[in-house]
Amino acid sequence: MRKFFLVFLFLGIFILGGCLPKDNNKIKVYTSVYPIYDFTSKIGGDKVAVYPVVDFGVEPHHYEPDAATIVKLKNADLFIYNGLKMEYWLDKIKSQLPENKPKLVCATDGVQKRYGHNHYHHDDNEHNHHNEEGIDPHAWLNPLNVITMMENIKNALVEIDPENADYYNANFQHYSEKLNELDTRYYNQINRFDANIRKIIVSHDAFGYLCERYGIEQWAIEGLSRDTEPDMSKIANTIEYAKNNNIGVIFYEKSIGPSVANAIAKDLKELTGNNVIVLELNPIEAISKKERKDGIDYFKIMEQNLANLVHSFNITENLTNQKSVK
C-alpha cells in the first residue's frame, strides 16, 4: 500500500510540475491582461519569461481565476497587473498568495485615472458589479500613459534583477522613444481636422484616454460595462447624434461584434441617404493566439486604429462640406 501511495504522490507532483511553464532559470513573470503582457515582454526581452494569466483569445471581462492560476503565481517572481479595476478578481487572488511571493506590481501607478460611465443591469453576475466606481481601466490607449506603465515594469525588473539593469533601462529608453513618436503621429494626423469633425461613435466607453489626449468627442453606445444590450432609446439617440454631426462611420469592437453597429449604420443610411460604413476600433484588451503568432502587438493595433480614425474623420469632413454646399 505504501508503495502505491508513493507512486501516486510522485505521479501527482510530476503532473503538476508538467503544468508549470519551463523558464530556463529566467526571471518568471505573470501578467494579468494582454497589454501588460506585451509591455512586460518588450521591457524584459530575453532576460524574462513572461506568461499571461488571462490567456490569448480569452475575453478579460469574463475571466475567472482557478486553482491552477494560484499554483502558477506562487511559482512566479513577479505578478504585474493593470489595476484601475480591470482585474475585478484581483483581491480574490491576493488573498490566496504568500505575503512576498510573487512580488505584486501595479503597472498604472502614477497614471491619472479617468472616470467613465457604467450602465448596469443588477443581476447575479459578479462581473456586472466589478467596477461600480466607474474607473476606466483602458489607460494604455494614451501612449504617454504607456511610458509610465513601462517605467513601472522596468523598475520592478531592475529591483528583482539588478544585474541586468542596463538591459532593462535600454529597452525602456527604446520603447519610450517609439511611444513618443506614436503620440506625435496621432496628434499631428488627428489635429489636422477641426474640432467639430473629431467625433466618433463607439461600442462602449473604452476610448476616453485616447479621446482626451487628442481632442476627440466620444459617443459610446454603452458604458464601461459591456454585459448589457443597448436599449432602443439609446440606439435612437445614437442615430440622431450621427445625423446631426454628419458621422458616416460607426465603430465596433471585434469581441462585441458588428451587429449593433451594422443596424445603426443601416438605419442611418436610410434616414440620410449617406453611405454609412462600419469599421473596427480596437481597445486592445486581448488578442487571439493567431494574431500573436502573426506578430500583432500594441503598436500595430494602435497604428490601425489611427488609420481608421483618420478615415472616419475624412468621411465626416466630406459629409459636412456637402451639407454646407446644399
Protein backbone atom coordinates (compact mmCIF):
# COMPACT_ATOMS: atom_id res chain seq x y z
CA MET A 1 0.00 0.00 0.00
CA ARG A 2 2.85 2.39 0.87
CA LYS A 3 4.48 1.70 -2.50
CA PHE A 4 1.26 2.55 -4.32
CA PHE A 5 0.91 5.75 -2.26
CA LEU A 6 4.44 6.88 -3.12
CA VAL A 7 3.90 6.15 -6.80
CA PHE A 8 0.64 8.13 -6.73
CA LEU A 9 2.32 11.05 -4.93
CA PHE A 10 5.23 11.12 -7.38
CA LEU A 11 2.83 10.97 -10.31
CA GLY A 12 0.80 13.87 -8.90
CA ILE A 13 3.89 16.02 -8.46
CA PHE A 14 5.06 15.11 -11.96
CA ILE A 15 1.72 16.04 -13.50
CA LEU A 16 1.53 19.33 -11.57
CA GLY A 17 5.10 20.14 -12.49
CA GLY A 18 4.26 19.46 -16.11
CA CYS A 19 1.56 22.14 -15.90
CA LEU A 20 4.07 24.76 -14.83
CA PRO A 21 5.94 26.58 -17.63
CA LYS A 22 9.65 25.95 -18.11
CA ASP A 23 11.52 29.23 -17.79
CA ASN A 24 15.17 28.13 -18.21
CA ASN A 25 16.17 29.99 -14.99
CA LYS A 26 14.90 33.33 -16.31
CA ILE A 27 13.00 35.78 -14.16
CA LYS A 28 9.47 34.38 -14.19
CA VAL A 29 6.73 36.98 -14.57
CA TYR A 30 2.98 36.56 -14.80
CA THR A 31 0.91 39.39 -16.23
CA SER A 32 -2.82 39.91 -15.94
CA VAL A 33 -4.19 41.15 -19.28
CA TYR A 34 -2.75 41.39 -22.79
CA PRO A 35 -1.39 44.98 -22.78
CA ILE A 36 0.59 44.26 -19.61
CA TYR A 37 1.92 41.05 -21.16
CA ASP A 38 3.03 42.95 -24.27
CA PHE A 39 4.69 45.79 -22.35
CA THR A 40 6.48 43.39 -19.99
CA SER A 41 7.72 41.25 -22.89
CA LYS A 42 9.15 44.34 -24.56
CA ILE A 43 10.98 45.57 -21.46
CA GLY A 44 12.05 42.12 -20.24
CA GLY A 45 13.22 40.86 -23.63
CA ASP A 46 15.19 37.61 -23.49
CA LYS A 47 16.03 38.03 -19.80
CA VAL A 48 12.48 37.35 -18.64
CA ALA A 49 9.94 34.56 -19.11
CA VAL A 50 6.54 36.25 -19.38
CA TYR A 51 3.21 34.43 -19.12
CA PRO A 52 -0.36 35.74 -19.30
CA VAL A 53 -2.89 34.97 -16.59
CA VAL A 54 -5.74 35.71 -19.00
CA ASP A 55 -4.69 33.58 -21.95
CA PHE A 56 -4.70 34.69 -25.58
CA GLY A 57 -8.16 34.59 -27.10
CA VAL A 58 -9.89 34.82 -23.69
CA GLU A 59 -12.23 37.76 -23.07
CA PRO A 60 -10.77 39.53 -19.98
CA HIS A 61 -14.14 40.86 -18.79
CA HIS A 62 -15.40 37.31 -18.33
CA TYR A 63 -12.25 35.65 -16.96
CA GLU A 64 -12.41 33.77 -13.66
CA PRO A 65 -9.17 32.54 -11.98
CA ASP A 66 -8.96 28.90 -10.92
CA ALA A 67 -6.76 26.84 -8.59
CA ALA A 68 -4.18 26.29 -11.33
CA THR A 69 -3.73 30.06 -11.60
CA ILE A 70 -2.83 30.30 -7.91
CA VAL A 71 -0.28 27.48 -8.25
CA LYS A 72 1.39 29.21 -11.19
CA LEU A 73 1.52 32.59 -9.44
CA LYS A 74 3.07 31.06 -6.32
CA ASN A 75 5.96 29.92 -8.52
CA ALA A 76 6.46 33.34 -10.12
CA ASP A 77 8.90 36.10 -9.20
CA LEU A 78 6.57 38.93 -10.25
CA PHE A 79 2.87 39.36 -10.92
CA ILE A 80 2.22 42.56 -12.87
CA TYR A 81 -1.34 43.77 -13.27
CA ASN A 82 -3.07 46.76 -14.81
CA GLY A 83 -5.12 47.99 -11.87
CA LEU A 84 -7.88 50.60 -12.34
CA LYS A 85 -10.48 47.89 -11.66
CA MET A 86 -9.57 45.95 -14.81
CA GLU A 87 -8.90 42.78 -12.81
CA TYR A 88 -12.06 42.55 -10.73
CA TRP A 89 -10.76 39.19 -9.43
CA LEU A 90 -7.52 40.67 -8.06
CA ASP A 91 -8.48 40.70 -4.37
CA LYS A 92 -9.56 37.07 -4.60
CA ILE A 93 -6.12 36.12 -5.96
CA LYS A 94 -4.17 38.26 -3.49
CA SER A 95 -5.86 36.59 -0.52
CA GLN A 96 -4.53 33.19 -1.63
CA LEU A 97 -0.92 34.18 -2.28
CA PRO A 98 2.01 34.19 0.19
CA GLU A 99 2.95 37.59 1.61
CA ASN A 100 6.05 38.21 -0.53
CA LYS A 101 5.81 35.67 -3.36
CA PRO A 102 5.32 36.77 -6.05
CA LYS A 103 6.07 40.48 -5.80
CA LEU A 104 2.95 42.37 -6.90
CA VAL A 105 3.33 45.33 -9.27
CA CYS A 106 0.57 47.72 -10.38
CA ALA A 107 1.56 48.95 -13.83
CA THR A 108 -0.70 52.02 -13.71
CA ASP A 109 0.79 53.56 -10.56
CA GLY A 110 1.15 57.26 -11.32
CA VAL A 111 -1.36 57.27 -14.18
CA GLN A 112 -4.16 59.80 -13.76
CA LYS A 113 -7.46 57.92 -13.57
CA ARG A 114 -10.30 58.62 -15.91
CA TYR A 115 -13.89 58.04 -14.82
CA GLY A 116 -16.36 56.84 -17.41
CA HIS A 117 -19.98 55.78 -17.34
CA ASN A 118 -21.50 52.45 -16.41
CA HIS A 119 -24.93 51.20 -17.38
CA TYR A 120 -25.65 48.21 -15.14
CA HIS A 121 -28.46 45.70 -15.03
CA HIS A 122 -28.14 44.48 -11.44
CA ASP A 123 -28.32 40.71 -11.53
CA ASP A 124 -26.37 37.82 -10.05
CA ASN A 125 -23.46 38.11 -12.48
CA GLU A 126 -20.45 39.06 -10.36
CA HIS A 127 -18.57 40.75 -13.16
CA ASN A 128 -21.50 43.10 -13.79
CA HIS A 129 -20.64 44.82 -10.50
CA HIS A 130 -16.86 44.81 -10.55
CA ASN A 131 -16.37 48.49 -11.41
CA GLU A 132 -19.24 50.41 -9.87
CA GLU A 133 -16.87 53.32 -9.21
CA GLY A 134 -16.78 53.95 -12.96
CA ILE A 135 -12.99 53.90 -13.28
CA ASP A 136 -11.89 53.48 -16.90
CA PRO A 137 -9.15 50.81 -17.00
CA HIS A 138 -8.05 51.40 -20.63
CA ALA A 139 -5.17 53.73 -19.73
CA TRP A 140 -2.90 52.20 -22.40
CA LEU A 141 -4.90 53.89 -25.20
CA ASN A 142 -2.93 57.06 -24.42
CA PRO A 143 0.68 56.28 -25.46
CA LEU A 144 2.05 58.66 -22.83
CA ASN A 145 0.39 56.56 -20.13
CA VAL A 146 2.19 53.52 -21.55
CA ILE A 147 5.52 55.24 -20.89
CA THR A 148 4.57 55.44 -17.21
CA MET A 149 3.39 51.83 -17.24
CA MET A 150 6.58 50.59 -18.90
CA GLU A 151 8.68 52.54 -16.43
CA ASN A 152 6.88 50.85 -13.54
CA ILE A 153 7.52 47.48 -15.16
CA LYS A 154 11.17 48.35 -15.79
CA ASN A 155 11.68 49.46 -12.20
CA ALA A 156 10.21 46.21 -10.89
CA LEU A 157 12.52 44.15 -13.11
CA VAL A 158 15.57 46.19 -12.11
CA GLU A 159 14.72 45.72 -8.45
CA ILE A 160 14.42 41.95 -8.73
CA ASP A 161 17.25 41.53 -11.26
CA PRO A 162 19.77 44.39 -10.75
CA GLU A 163 22.50 42.59 -12.71
CA ASN A 164 20.54 43.26 -15.91
CA ALA A 165 19.52 46.83 -15.04
CA ASP A 166 21.31 48.32 -18.06
CA TYR A 167 19.47 45.93 -20.37
CA TYR A 168 16.04 46.83 -18.97
CA ASN A 169 16.85 50.54 -18.99
CA ALA A 170 17.94 50.37 -22.63
CA ASN A 171 14.72 48.60 -23.63
CA PHE A 172 12.68 51.16 -21.74
CA GLN A 173 14.51 54.01 -23.47
CA HIS A 174 13.90 52.43 -26.89
CA TYR A 175 10.17 51.97 -26.35
CA SER A 176 9.76 55.38 -24.71
CA GLU A 177 11.03 56.92 -27.94
CA LYS A 178 8.66 54.77 -30.01
CA LEU A 179 5.72 55.78 -27.82
CA ASN A 180 6.58 59.47 -28.11
CA GLU A 181 6.77 59.05 -31.90
CA LEU A 182 3.39 57.29 -31.88
CA ASP A 183 1.90 60.09 -29.79
CA THR A 184 3.25 62.69 -32.24
CA ARG A 185 1.75 60.83 -35.24
CA TYR A 186 -1.63 60.64 -33.52
CA TYR A 187 -1.53 64.31 -32.53
CA ASN A 188 -0.46 65.57 -35.96
CA GLN A 189 -2.84 63.44 -38.02
CA ILE A 190 -5.90 63.94 -35.81
CA ASN A 191 -5.44 67.65 -35.19
CA ARG A 192 -5.47 68.34 -38.92
CA PHE A 193 -9.25 68.17 -38.55
CA ASP A 194 -11.44 70.84 -36.96
CA ALA A 195 -12.89 70.08 -33.55
CA ASN A 196 -16.41 69.72 -34.98
CA ILE A 197 -15.12 66.87 -37.20
CA ARG A 198 -13.33 64.95 -34.44
CA LYS A 199 -16.35 62.98 -33.24
CA ILE A 200 -16.74 59.20 -33.11
CA ILE A 201 -19.40 56.64 -32.24
CA VAL A 202 -18.04 53.56 -30.44
CA SER A 203 -19.46 50.33 -28.99
CA HIS A 204 -18.66 51.11 -25.36
CA ASP A 205 -16.97 53.75 -23.25
CA ALA A 206 -13.43 52.41 -23.69
CA PHE A 207 -11.63 55.16 -25.61
CA GLY A 208 -11.74 58.04 -23.15
CA TYR A 209 -7.99 58.21 -22.52
CA LEU A 210 -7.33 58.37 -26.26
CA CYS A 211 -10.08 60.92 -26.86
CA GLU A 212 -8.97 63.21 -24.03
CA ARG A 213 -5.39 63.18 -25.29
CA TYR A 214 -6.24 64.06 -28.90
CA GLY A 215 -9.36 66.22 -28.55
CA ILE A 216 -11.91 63.72 -29.83
CA GLU A 217 -15.54 63.64 -28.73
CA GLN A 218 -16.65 60.08 -27.96
CA TRP A 219 -20.27 58.94 -28.16
CA ALA A 220 -20.47 55.50 -26.55
CA ILE A 221 -23.45 53.25 -27.29
CA GLU A 222 -22.81 51.51 -23.97
CA GLY A 223 -20.89 52.43 -20.80
CA LEU A 224 -17.76 50.84 -19.34
CA SER A 225 -19.65 47.59 -18.78
CA ARG A 226 -20.21 45.52 -21.92
CA ASP A 227 -22.55 42.98 -20.35
CA THR A 228 -25.78 44.66 -21.43
CA GLU A 229 -27.51 45.29 -24.73
CA PRO A 230 -28.26 48.93 -25.61
CA ASP A 231 -31.94 49.83 -25.35
CA MET A 232 -33.94 51.30 -28.21
CA SER A 233 -33.82 54.84 -26.83
CA LYS A 234 -30.01 54.76 -26.72
CA ILE A 235 -29.86 53.49 -30.30
CA ALA A 236 -32.31 56.20 -31.41
CA ASN A 237 -30.20 58.87 -29.67
CA THR A 238 -27.08 57.47 -31.33
CA ILE A 239 -28.67 57.72 -34.78
CA GLU A 240 -29.74 61.30 -34.04
CA TYR A 241 -26.22 62.19 -32.85
CA ALA A 242 -24.69 60.71 -36.02
CA LYS A 243 -27.16 62.55 -38.27
CA ASN A 244 -26.64 65.91 -36.54
CA ASN A 245 -22.83 65.58 -36.70
CA ASN A 246 -22.56 64.16 -40.24
CA ILE A 247 -20.90 60.98 -38.99
CA GLY A 248 -20.51 58.31 -41.65
CA VAL A 249 -18.63 55.63 -39.67
CA ILE A 250 -19.91 53.50 -36.79
CA PHE A 251 -17.09 51.81 -34.88
CA TYR A 252 -17.37 48.34 -33.39
CA GLU A 253 -15.11 46.04 -31.36
CA LYS A 254 -14.27 42.54 -32.55
CA SER A 255 -15.10 40.95 -29.18
CA ILE A 256 -18.55 42.56 -29.18
CA GLY A 257 -19.24 42.06 -32.87
CA PRO A 258 -20.62 44.43 -35.51
CA SER A 259 -24.34 43.57 -35.28
CA VAL A 260 -25.43 46.70 -33.35
CA ALA A 261 -23.10 48.91 -35.42
CA ASN A 262 -24.48 47.42 -38.65
CA ALA A 263 -28.06 48.05 -37.54
CA ILE A 264 -27.30 51.68 -36.68
CA ALA A 265 -25.43 52.18 -39.97
CA LYS A 266 -28.36 50.73 -41.93
CA ASP A 267 -30.93 52.95 -40.20
CA LEU A 268 -28.70 56.00 -40.58
CA LYS A 269 -28.17 55.34 -44.28
CA GLU A 270 -31.94 55.07 -44.83
CA LEU A 271 -32.51 58.28 -42.88
CA THR A 272 -29.79 60.43 -44.51
CA GLY A 273 -29.10 58.75 -47.84
CA ASN A 274 -25.38 58.72 -46.97
CA ASN A 275 -23.24 55.61 -47.43
CA VAL A 276 -22.55 54.85 -43.75
CA ILE A 277 -19.87 52.22 -43.11
CA VAL A 278 -18.74 50.11 -40.14
CA LEU A 279 -15.09 49.94 -39.03
CA GLU A 280 -13.25 48.32 -36.14
CA LEU A 281 -11.71 50.37 -33.33
CA ASN A 282 -9.69 48.12 -31.06
CA PRO A 283 -9.50 48.82 -27.29
CA ILE A 284 -6.54 46.36 -27.13
CA GLU A 285 -7.94 44.33 -24.27
CA ALA A 286 -6.96 40.97 -25.80
CA ILE A 287 -5.58 39.36 -28.94
CA SER A 288 -6.06 35.86 -30.32
CA LYS A 289 -3.37 33.19 -30.50
CA LYS A 290 -3.29 33.60 -34.28
CA GLU A 291 -2.80 37.35 -34.00
CA ARG A 292 0.07 36.82 -31.61
CA LYS A 293 1.62 34.26 -33.98
CA ASP A 294 1.25 36.77 -36.83
CA GLY A 295 3.24 39.37 -34.88
CA ILE A 296 0.36 41.64 -33.93
CA ASP A 297 1.23 43.86 -30.95
CA TYR A 298 0.25 47.11 -29.25
CA PHE A 299 1.99 49.34 -31.80
CA LYS A 300 0.46 47.64 -34.85
CA ILE A 301 -3.04 47.83 -33.38
CA MET A 302 -2.58 51.48 -32.45
CA GLU A 303 -1.42 52.27 -36.00
CA GLN A 304 -4.50 50.56 -37.44
CA ASN A 305 -6.72 52.44 -35.01
CA LEU A 306 -5.15 55.70 -36.16
CA ALA A 307 -5.75 54.84 -39.82
CA ASN A 308 -9.40 54.04 -39.10
CA LEU A 309 -9.89 57.24 -37.09
CA VAL A 310 -8.43 59.37 -39.88
CA HIS A 311 -10.64 57.59 -42.43
CA SER A 312 -13.67 58.30 -40.26
CA PHE A 313 -12.79 61.99 -39.92
CA ASN A 314 -12.27 62.30 -43.67
CA ILE A 315 -15.76 60.93 -44.25
CA THR A 316 -17.29 63.26 -41.65
CA GLU A 317 -15.45 66.21 -43.18
CA ASN A 318 -16.72 65.35 -46.67
CA LEU A 319 -20.30 64.93 -45.46
CA THR A 320 -20.09 68.23 -43.56
CA ASN A 321 -18.79 70.05 -46.64
CA GLN A 322 -21.51 68.54 -48.82
CA LYS A 323 -24.17 69.63 -46.34
CA SER A 324 -22.83 73.18 -46.18
CA VAL A 325 -22.91 73.45 -50.00
CA LYS A 326 -26.57 72.43 -50.04
